[in-house]
Amino acid sequence: MKKILVVDESALFRDFLTKKLIEYGFEVSVAVNGLDASVKIRQLMPELVIMDYYLSRSSSLEVLEKLRQDPNTAGIAVIMASAKVDREKLLQVARFGVKKFFTKPVRVDALLRAVSESLGVQVDMDNSPCIVEAHVNDDIVFVEVAQGLNKEKIELLRYKIKELLDLYDLSLVKVLVMMSSVDITSADSIKLGVLLNTILQYAKPRNVRILTNSEFVAQYVAGREEMAEIGVSNNLEQAMSGLLGRKTGNYIDPSQKTAQQEFLQVQAPKKDRGESIDMKFESEKAQQFDLHELDENLTIAVVDDDLVIQELIKTAFSDTQFSIKPFGNGREFVSDPVAETADLIFLDLMMPEMDGFQVLSDLTKRRKDLPVIVLSALSQQETVVRALKLGVKSYMIKPLKPQAVRKKATEILKMNF
């Protein structure tokens, strides 16, 4: 049994990595700081050390120097990680023979592959297609599942939820599991059970909602007494209303007619530190979608009376050959042939002459697809929920950033190509 020493001052990361490595048959010990690491390396003589760059009591560079100077430990393989990686750090550790250096949050498949290569041990992971994302908004933990279920991703989710609860200081845990874009069948029953039991470690059943079109999921939940209070729905508003205790789309302040954010944004954490658990796999990089792979003749319409927004979106696609067509109001847009042919439409909801909802009403009569990204300000009287019900693909909250615009456009265009 190969011995591994995990050195990290984050208890969450230590616990996650320890459990994961034990699952794969390794003997795992932990160290909580640099001094502890130096002592345990000499005592335990591990074949591999996985170590954070930033350590107290003794720096990681001091640990490496002692490790390499001792003939008994000089041959031990080392994998390092850091929340920030720069050329200077890489040069510092390279002289100690460190060949693997990861940026935190570390992607677990890449780390396990590095462990396998360092120790010459086969590590077989669940490679079932699966995308899992988790974020917090309105004090609700949103868990989005797509493509399928994956054992490794579900295990990651357990630690991700724990991390989010700490970062956002959540005591009453409410969870919305969105599985509307994944087909769950009886063949997935074991993984589904693990997923739901993982969530129930943190939230009571009555505070969990599942958004899904799968009849099997509804049957699975209904058939288990411990899950009987979990709400299963194929309607987003209904699911959200159950968690919020109020109807979605209500105003926060009726006198100001300010719309609720609802699920529309990721809430800012209450603690000033980054997340350490990454739900993505390194192998998913190969599946990333590049706008440059698309037809250069794509047309993007920007329907917004704000000239700044028009210019910002032009800037976001300035390195492409896409045709960007700006329109100052809804009437101007629907009167133009591009309304029926645009590959992507950025649409403001509040405009003079003809607002975004009137534009959407017109578009739904003229074309089957609706590749629309709504541009919304939180002070608008109408909520984005209404736009989503009309078939809008996605939304963005103003003010906008070019990088975010590009990312959102990529998501929608990927679905259409």
Protein backbone atom coordinates (compact mmCIF):
# COMPACT_ATOMS: atom_id res chain seq x y z
CA MET A 1 0.00 0.00 0.00
CA LYS A 2 1.55 3.30 -1.15
CA LYS A 3 1.81 5.98 1.53
CA ILE A 4 0.81 9.59 0.84
CA LEU A 5 1.18 12.62 3.11
CA VAL A 6 -1.30 15.46 2.55
CA VAL A 7 -0.06 18.83 3.82
CA ASP A 8 -2.66 21.60 3.81
CA GLU A 9 -3.96 24.09 6.36
CA SER A 10 -7.52 23.81 5.03
CA ALA A 11 -9.31 21.11 7.03
CA LEU A 12 -11.94 20.83 4.31
CA PHE A 13 -9.37 20.17 1.57
CA ARG A 14 -7.43 17.71 3.79
CA ASP A 15 -10.59 15.78 4.63
CA PHE A 16 -11.74 15.64 1.02
CA LEU A 17 -8.40 14.53 -0.38
CA THR A 18 -7.79 12.01 2.40
CA LYS A 19 -11.13 10.29 1.88
CA LYS A 20 -10.72 10.28 -1.90
CA LEU A 21 -7.21 8.78 -1.79
CA ILE A 22 -8.22 6.14 0.77
CA GLU A 23 -11.04 5.11 -1.58
CA TYR A 24 -8.36 4.30 -4.16
CA GLY A 25 -6.39 2.12 -1.77
CA PHE A 26 -3.69 4.51 -0.57
CA GLU A 27 -2.50 4.85 3.03
CA VAL A 28 -2.98 8.52 3.82
CA SER A 29 -1.65 10.72 6.64
CA VAL A 30 -2.10 14.47 7.07
CA ALA A 31 -0.02 17.41 8.27
CA VAL A 32 -1.54 20.73 9.28
CA ASN A 33 1.44 23.05 8.73
CA GLY A 34 5.03 23.13 7.48
CA LEU A 35 6.65 22.10 10.76
CA ASP A 36 4.23 19.20 11.14
CA ALA A 37 5.03 18.18 7.54
CA SER A 38 8.80 18.06 8.11
CA VAL A 39 8.36 15.88 11.20
CA LYS A 40 5.93 13.45 9.56
CA ILE A 41 7.97 13.10 6.37
CA ARG A 42 10.88 11.78 8.48
CA GLN A 43 8.61 9.61 10.64
CA LEU A 44 6.37 8.11 7.94
CA MET A 45 8.63 8.06 4.88
CA PRO A 46 5.75 8.44 2.39
CA GLU A 47 6.20 7.73 -1.31
CA LEU A 48 4.37 10.96 -2.18
CA VAL A 49 3.75 14.34 -0.55
CA ILE A 50 0.85 16.53 -1.73
CA MET A 51 1.53 19.98 -0.32
CA ASP A 52 0.10 23.49 -0.42
CA TYR A 53 2.55 26.26 -1.30
CA TYR A 54 1.45 28.52 1.58
CA LEU A 55 2.24 26.95 4.98
CA SER A 56 2.75 28.35 8.48
CA ARG A 57 5.32 27.39 11.14
CA SER A 58 7.71 26.48 8.32
CA SER A 59 7.38 27.48 4.65
CA SER A 60 6.88 24.96 1.88
CA LEU A 61 10.30 25.89 0.49
CA GLU A 62 11.90 25.10 3.85
CA VAL A 63 10.07 21.76 3.92
CA LEU A 64 11.31 20.98 0.40
CA GLU A 65 14.87 21.93 1.25
CA LYS A 66 14.95 19.63 4.29
CA LEU A 67 13.31 16.84 2.29
CA ARG A 68 15.88 17.03 -0.53
CA GLN A 69 18.90 17.42 1.77
CA ASP A 70 18.15 14.19 3.65
CA PRO A 71 19.38 11.17 1.61
CA ASN A 72 16.55 9.09 3.12
CA THR A 73 13.81 11.43 1.84
CA ALA A 74 15.44 12.98 -1.22
CA GLY A 75 13.66 10.61 -3.62
CA ILE A 76 10.12 11.30 -2.36
CA ALA A 77 7.81 12.61 -5.09
CA VAL A 78 6.10 15.95 -4.42
CA ILE A 79 2.93 17.47 -5.89
CA MET A 80 2.19 21.09 -4.98
CA ALA A 81 -0.83 23.39 -5.19
CA SER A 82 -1.50 27.07 -4.61
CA ALA A 83 -4.38 29.50 -4.89
CA LYS A 84 -2.03 31.75 -6.86
CA VAL A 85 0.57 30.51 -9.32
CA ASP A 86 3.18 32.69 -10.96
CA ARG A 87 6.49 32.15 -12.73
CA GLU A 88 8.50 32.94 -9.61
CA LYS A 89 6.79 30.21 -7.57
CA LEU A 90 7.26 27.68 -10.33
CA LEU A 91 10.99 28.48 -10.56
CA GLN A 92 11.32 28.27 -6.77
CA VAL A 93 9.88 24.76 -6.51
CA ALA A 94 11.35 23.49 -9.78
CA ARG A 95 14.86 23.53 -8.31
CA PHE A 96 13.63 21.02 -5.70
CA GLY A 97 12.43 18.64 -8.41
CA VAL A 98 8.70 19.42 -8.11
CA LYS A 99 7.19 18.51 -11.48
CA LYS A 100 3.47 18.88 -10.75
CA PHE A 101 2.08 22.23 -9.57
CA PHE A 102 -1.69 22.83 -9.57
CA THR A 103 -3.77 25.96 -9.18
CA LYS A 104 -6.44 25.83 -6.48
CA PRO A 105 -9.22 24.96 -6.66
CA VAL A 106 -7.61 21.73 -7.88
CA ARG A 107 -9.49 19.61 -10.40
CA VAL A 108 -9.69 16.17 -8.87
CA ASP A 109 -9.23 14.14 -12.05
CA ALA A 110 -6.01 15.97 -12.89
CA LEU A 111 -4.71 15.50 -9.35
CA LEU A 112 -5.53 11.79 -9.30
CA ARG A 113 -3.86 11.37 -12.67
CA ALA A 114 -0.73 13.04 -11.28
CA VAL A 115 -0.83 10.72 -8.25
CA SER A 116 -1.13 7.73 -10.58
CA GLU A 117 1.83 8.87 -12.66
CA SER A 118 3.99 9.70 -9.63
CA LEU A 119 3.42 6.36 -7.91
CA GLY A 120 2.97 4.10 -10.92
CA VAL A 121 -0.43 2.97 -9.63
CA GLN A 122 -3.57 2.63 -11.76
CA VAL A 123 -6.40 4.94 -10.64
CA ASP A 124 -9.77 4.27 -12.29
CA MET A 125 -12.32 7.05 -12.00
CA ASP A 126 -15.98 7.20 -12.94
CA ASN A 127 -15.90 8.93 -16.33
CA SER A 128 -19.66 9.10 -16.87
CA PRO A 129 -20.58 12.41 -18.58
CA CYS A 130 -21.79 14.82 -15.94
CA ILE A 131 -21.77 18.51 -15.15
CA VAL A 132 -22.46 19.67 -11.60
CA GLU A 133 -22.46 23.29 -10.49
CA ALA A 134 -23.30 24.70 -7.06
CA HIS A 135 -23.76 28.32 -5.97
CA VAL A 136 -25.66 30.38 -3.41
CA ASN A 137 -28.26 33.07 -3.97
CA ASP A 138 -30.99 34.43 -1.72
CA ASP A 139 -29.55 32.08 0.96
CA ILE A 140 -30.48 29.08 -1.16
CA VAL A 141 -27.95 26.53 -2.38
CA PHE A 142 -28.56 25.90 -6.09
CA VAL A 143 -27.27 22.58 -7.41
CA GLU A 144 -27.39 22.22 -11.19
CA VAL A 145 -26.94 18.75 -12.70
CA ALA A 146 -26.65 18.12 -16.45
CA GLN A 147 -25.74 15.31 -18.87
CA GLY A 148 -25.83 12.52 -16.29
CA LEU A 149 -24.71 11.39 -12.84
CA ASN A 150 -21.09 10.74 -11.89
CA LYS A 151 -19.86 9.19 -8.64
CA GLU A 152 -16.82 11.46 -8.44
CA LYS A 153 -18.85 14.62 -9.01
CA ILE A 154 -21.39 13.63 -6.36
CA GLU A 155 -18.56 13.07 -3.87
CA LEU A 156 -17.19 16.51 -4.75
CA LEU A 157 -20.64 17.99 -4.16
CA ARG A 158 -20.62 16.87 -0.53
CA TYR A 159 -17.56 18.99 0.16
CA LYS A 160 -18.72 21.82 -2.11
CA ILE A 161 -21.96 22.25 -0.15
CA LYS A 162 -20.04 22.17 3.12
CA GLU A 163 -17.71 24.86 1.79
CA LEU A 164 -20.60 27.06 0.59
CA LEU A 165 -22.40 26.81 3.93
CA ASP A 166 -19.28 28.04 5.66
CA LEU A 167 -18.51 30.82 3.16
CA TYR A 168 -22.06 32.18 3.28
CA ASP A 169 -22.74 31.53 6.98
CA LEU A 170 -25.89 29.57 6.24
CA SER A 171 -27.59 27.94 9.23
CA LEU A 172 -31.00 27.13 7.76
CA VAL A 173 -30.06 25.17 4.65
CA LYS A 174 -32.38 25.29 1.65
CA VAL A 175 -31.44 23.47 -1.55
CA LEU A 176 -32.86 23.58 -5.07
CA VAL A 177 -31.61 20.71 -7.26
CA MET A 178 -32.09 21.57 -10.93
CA MET A 179 -32.09 18.43 -13.07
CA SER A 180 -34.35 19.56 -15.89
CA SER A 181 -31.72 18.94 -18.59
CA VAL A 182 -30.76 15.40 -17.62
CA ASP A 183 -32.67 12.16 -18.22
CA ILE A 184 -32.65 10.07 -15.03
CA THR A 185 -33.78 6.43 -15.28
CA SER A 186 -33.82 3.35 -13.05
CA ALA A 187 -30.27 2.60 -14.20
CA ASP A 188 -29.19 5.71 -12.26
CA SER A 189 -30.99 4.76 -9.04
CA ILE A 190 -27.85 4.09 -6.99
CA LYS A 191 -26.17 7.36 -7.98
CA LEU A 192 -29.43 9.26 -7.54
CA GLY A 193 -29.73 7.87 -4.03
CA VAL A 194 -26.18 8.94 -3.21
CA LEU A 195 -26.86 12.43 -4.62
CA LEU A 196 -30.01 12.97 -2.58
CA ASN A 197 -28.53 11.50 0.61
CA THR A 198 -25.52 13.79 0.15
CA ILE A 199 -27.85 16.80 0.09
CA LEU A 200 -29.85 15.49 3.05
CA GLN A 201 -26.67 15.49 5.13
CA TYR A 202 -27.04 19.28 5.21
CA ALA A 203 -30.71 20.08 4.60
CA LYS A 204 -33.94 18.72 6.01
CA PRO A 205 -36.21 17.08 3.40
CA ARG A 206 -38.86 19.81 3.70
CA ASN A 207 -36.21 22.37 2.66
CA VAL A 208 -35.18 20.53 -0.51
CA ARG A 209 -36.81 20.97 -3.92
CA ILE A 210 -36.01 19.12 -7.13
CA LEU A 211 -36.73 20.65 -10.53
CA THR A 212 -36.98 17.81 -13.03
CA ASN A 213 -39.01 16.41 -15.92
CA SER A 214 -38.13 12.83 -14.93
CA GLU A 215 -41.04 10.73 -13.70
CA PHE A 216 -38.52 8.27 -12.26
CA VAL A 217 -37.08 10.91 -9.91
CA ALA A 218 -40.58 11.75 -8.63
CA GLN A 219 -41.33 8.06 -8.10
CA TYR A 220 -37.98 7.46 -6.41
CA VAL A 221 -38.54 10.27 -3.91
CA ALA A 222 -42.18 9.37 -3.26
CA GLY A 223 -41.22 5.74 -2.54
CA ARG A 224 -38.86 6.58 0.32
CA GLU A 225 -40.17 7.64 3.70
CA GLU A 226 -37.06 9.61 4.61
CA MET A 227 -37.48 11.70 1.43
CA ALA A 228 -41.25 12.12 1.52
CA GLU A 229 -41.09 15.85 2.30
CA ILE A 230 -38.81 16.65 -0.64
CA GLY A 231 -40.75 18.67 -3.21
CA VAL A 232 -40.46 17.48 -6.83
CA SER A 233 -41.71 19.75 -9.61
CA ASN A 234 -41.21 20.45 -13.31
CA ASN A 235 -42.09 24.11 -12.77
CA LEU A 236 -39.37 26.54 -11.70
CA GLU A 237 -41.70 29.10 -10.17
CA GLN A 238 -43.42 26.45 -8.11
CA ALA A 239 -40.12 25.06 -6.85
CA MET A 240 -38.76 28.49 -5.99
CA SER A 241 -41.97 29.58 -4.28
CA GLY A 242 -41.79 26.54 -2.04
CA LEU A 243 -38.29 27.45 -0.87
CA LEU A 244 -38.76 31.21 -0.61
CA GLY A 245 -42.05 31.01 1.22
CA ARG A 246 -43.45 33.62 -1.15
CA LYS A 247 -44.51 33.74 -4.76
CA THR A 248 -41.71 34.38 -7.23
CA GLY A 249 -42.01 37.66 -9.08
CA ASN A 250 -43.33 39.61 -6.09
CA TYR A 251 -41.76 42.99 -5.43
CA ILE A 252 -39.28 43.47 -2.61
CA ASP A 253 -40.49 47.02 -2.19
CA PRO A 254 -43.87 47.65 -3.87
CA SER A 255 -43.55 51.42 -3.43
CA GLN A 256 -40.32 51.42 -5.46
CA LYS A 257 -41.46 48.57 -7.71
CA THR A 258 -38.10 46.85 -7.27
CA ALA A 259 -38.06 43.29 -8.52
CA GLN A 260 -36.55 40.45 -6.54
CA GLN A 261 -33.29 39.02 -7.81
CA GLU A 262 -34.62 35.51 -7.15
CA PHE A 263 -32.24 32.97 -8.60
CA LEU A 264 -30.73 35.37 -11.10
CA GLN A 265 -27.36 36.13 -9.53
CA VAL A 266 -24.69 34.40 -7.50
CA GLN A 267 -24.69 35.92 -4.03
CA ALA A 268 -21.41 37.36 -2.71
CA PRO A 269 -19.84 35.23 0.06
CA LYS A 270 -19.72 36.66 3.57
CA LYS A 271 -16.17 35.45 4.17
CA ASP A 272 -13.24 36.92 2.32
CA ARG A 273 -11.61 33.84 0.86
CA GLY A 274 -11.84 31.82 -2.31
CA GLU A 275 -13.48 28.48 -2.91
CA SER A 276 -11.19 25.43 -2.79
CA ILE A 277 -13.44 22.74 -4.30
CA ASP A 278 -13.74 22.72 -8.11
CA MET A 279 -16.69 20.77 -9.51
CA LYS A 280 -15.20 20.55 -13.01
CA PHE A 281 -12.80 17.94 -14.34
CA GLU A 282 -9.61 18.84 -16.16
CA SER A 283 -10.72 16.53 -18.99
CA GLU A 284 -13.69 18.84 -19.64
CA LYS A 285 -11.31 21.45 -21.03
CA ALA A 286 -11.15 19.45 -24.24
CA GLN A 287 -14.93 19.81 -24.52
CA GLN A 288 -14.92 23.58 -24.12
CA PHE A 289 -16.54 25.52 -26.89
CA ASP A 290 -14.60 28.16 -28.78
CA LEU A 291 -16.53 30.91 -30.57
CA HIS A 292 -13.88 30.88 -33.29
CA GLU A 293 -15.03 27.38 -34.26
CA LEU A 294 -18.36 28.81 -35.43
CA ASP A 295 -19.32 30.14 -38.82
CA GLU A 296 -17.86 33.64 -39.19
CA ASN A 297 -21.11 34.78 -40.82
CA LEU A 298 -23.12 34.64 -37.58
CA THR A 299 -25.34 37.63 -36.87
CA ILE A 300 -25.81 39.00 -33.35
CA ALA A 301 -28.53 41.59 -32.72
CA VAL A 302 -28.26 44.03 -29.81
CA VAL A 303 -31.64 45.56 -28.99
CA ASP A 304 -31.01 48.22 -26.36
CA ASP A 305 -31.50 51.98 -26.25
CA ASP A 306 -28.25 52.35 -24.27
CA LEU A 307 -25.38 53.13 -26.67
CA VAL A 308 -22.86 52.08 -24.02
CA ILE A 309 -24.36 48.58 -23.94
CA GLN A 310 -24.28 48.40 -27.73
CA GLU A 311 -20.59 49.32 -27.78
CA LEU A 312 -19.75 46.96 -24.91
CA ILE A 313 -21.24 43.99 -26.74
CA LYS A 314 -19.41 44.97 -29.92
CA THR A 315 -16.19 44.99 -27.88
CA ALA A 316 -16.93 41.53 -26.47
CA PHE A 317 -16.87 40.07 -29.99
CA SER A 318 -14.24 42.36 -31.49
CA ASP A 319 -11.87 39.45 -32.21
CA THR A 320 -14.49 37.60 -34.30
CA GLN A 321 -15.95 38.17 -37.74
CA PHE A 322 -19.53 38.09 -36.42
CA SER A 323 -21.91 40.75 -37.72
CA ILE A 324 -23.14 42.85 -34.77
CA LYS A 325 -26.42 44.66 -35.55
CA PRO A 326 -27.42 47.36 -32.99
CA PHE A 327 -31.03 48.57 -32.60
CA GLY A 328 -32.08 51.49 -30.43
CA ASN A 329 -35.60 50.24 -29.70
CA GLY A 330 -37.85 47.23 -30.13
CA ARG A 331 -39.92 48.62 -32.99
CA GLU A 332 -36.81 49.29 -35.05
CA PHE A 333 -35.68 45.69 -34.45
CA VAL A 334 -38.92 43.84 -35.28
CA SER A 335 -39.26 45.90 -38.47
CA ASP A 336 -35.88 44.67 -39.68
CA PRO A 337 -35.42 41.29 -41.48
CA VAL A 338 -32.63 40.43 -39.01
CA ALA A 339 -35.31 39.78 -36.37
CA GLU A 340 -36.14 36.53 -38.16
CA THR A 341 -32.58 35.47 -38.98
CA ALA A 342 -30.33 36.59 -36.09
CA ASP A 343 -28.35 33.74 -34.56
CA LEU A 344 -28.33 35.45 -31.16
CA ILE A 345 -30.28 38.39 -29.73
CA PHE A 346 -29.35 40.54 -26.73
CA LEU A 347 -32.61 42.16 -25.64
CA ASP A 348 -33.22 44.90 -23.09
CA LEU A 349 -36.58 44.65 -21.33
CA MET A 350 -37.26 48.34 -20.81
CA MET A 351 -37.08 50.46 -23.99
CA PRO A 352 -39.04 53.33 -25.53
CA GLU A 353 -41.64 52.79 -28.28
CA MET A 354 -41.68 48.99 -27.91
CA ASP A 355 -40.38 47.21 -24.82
CA GLY A 356 -38.67 43.83 -24.61
CA PHE A 357 -41.82 41.92 -23.70
CA GLN A 358 -43.60 43.24 -26.80
CA VAL A 359 -40.59 42.20 -28.85
CA LEU A 360 -40.71 38.70 -27.35
CA SER A 361 -44.42 38.44 -28.07
CA ASP A 362 -43.75 39.37 -31.70
CA LEU A 363 -40.81 36.97 -32.03
CA THR A 364 -42.70 33.97 -30.68
CA LYS A 365 -45.19 34.36 -33.52
CA ARG A 366 -42.51 34.56 -36.21
CA ARG A 367 -39.87 31.97 -35.34
CA LYS A 368 -39.73 28.63 -33.51
CA ASP A 369 -36.35 29.20 -31.94
CA LEU A 370 -35.78 32.10 -29.59
CA PRO A 371 -32.00 32.59 -29.12
CA VAL A 372 -32.52 35.52 -26.75
CA ILE A 373 -30.42 36.71 -23.83
CA VAL A 374 -32.40 39.21 -21.79
CA LEU A 375 -30.56 42.23 -20.39
CA SER A 376 -32.13 43.12 -17.07
CA ALA A 377 -31.69 45.86 -14.48
CA LEU A 378 -32.72 44.94 -10.94
CA SER A 379 -34.86 48.08 -10.64
CA GLN A 380 -37.17 47.00 -13.45
CA GLN A 381 -40.81 46.64 -12.67
CA GLU A 382 -41.17 43.43 -14.67
CA THR A 383 -39.14 40.41 -13.56
CA VAL A 384 -36.93 38.20 -15.66
CA VAL A 385 -39.08 35.26 -14.57
CA ARG A 386 -41.77 36.54 -16.93
CA ALA A 387 -39.27 36.67 -19.80
CA LEU A 388 -38.08 33.12 -19.10
CA LYS A 389 -41.67 31.91 -19.28
CA LEU A 390 -41.86 33.37 -22.80
CA GLY A 391 -39.05 31.10 -23.94
CA VAL A 392 -35.96 33.22 -23.35
CA LYS A 393 -32.81 31.12 -23.24
CA SER A 394 -30.96 33.11 -20.56
CA TYR A 395 -30.50 36.46 -18.86
CA MET A 396 -27.79 38.87 -17.73
CA ILE A 397 -27.94 41.46 -14.98
CA LYS A 398 -26.69 44.96 -15.74
CA PRO A 399 -24.04 46.36 -15.49
CA LEU A 400 -22.37 44.03 -17.98
CA LYS A 401 -18.76 43.01 -18.50
CA PRO A 402 -17.40 41.95 -21.93
CA GLN A 403 -16.00 38.67 -20.59
CA ALA A 404 -19.34 37.74 -19.03
CA VAL A 405 -21.17 38.66 -22.26
CA ARG A 406 -18.88 36.43 -24.25
CA LYS A 407 -19.27 33.53 -21.82
CA LYS A 408 -23.06 33.74 -21.84
CA ALA A 409 -23.16 33.97 -25.64
CA THR A 410 -20.96 30.88 -25.86
CA GLU A 411 -23.41 28.92 -23.69
CA ILE A 412 -26.38 29.79 -25.91
CA LEU A 413 -24.62 29.35 -29.25
CA LYS A 414 -23.27 26.00 -28.09
CA MET A 415 -26.83 24.78 -27.56
CA ASN A 416 -27.78 25.81 -31.08
CA PHE A 417 -24.83 24.31 -32.93
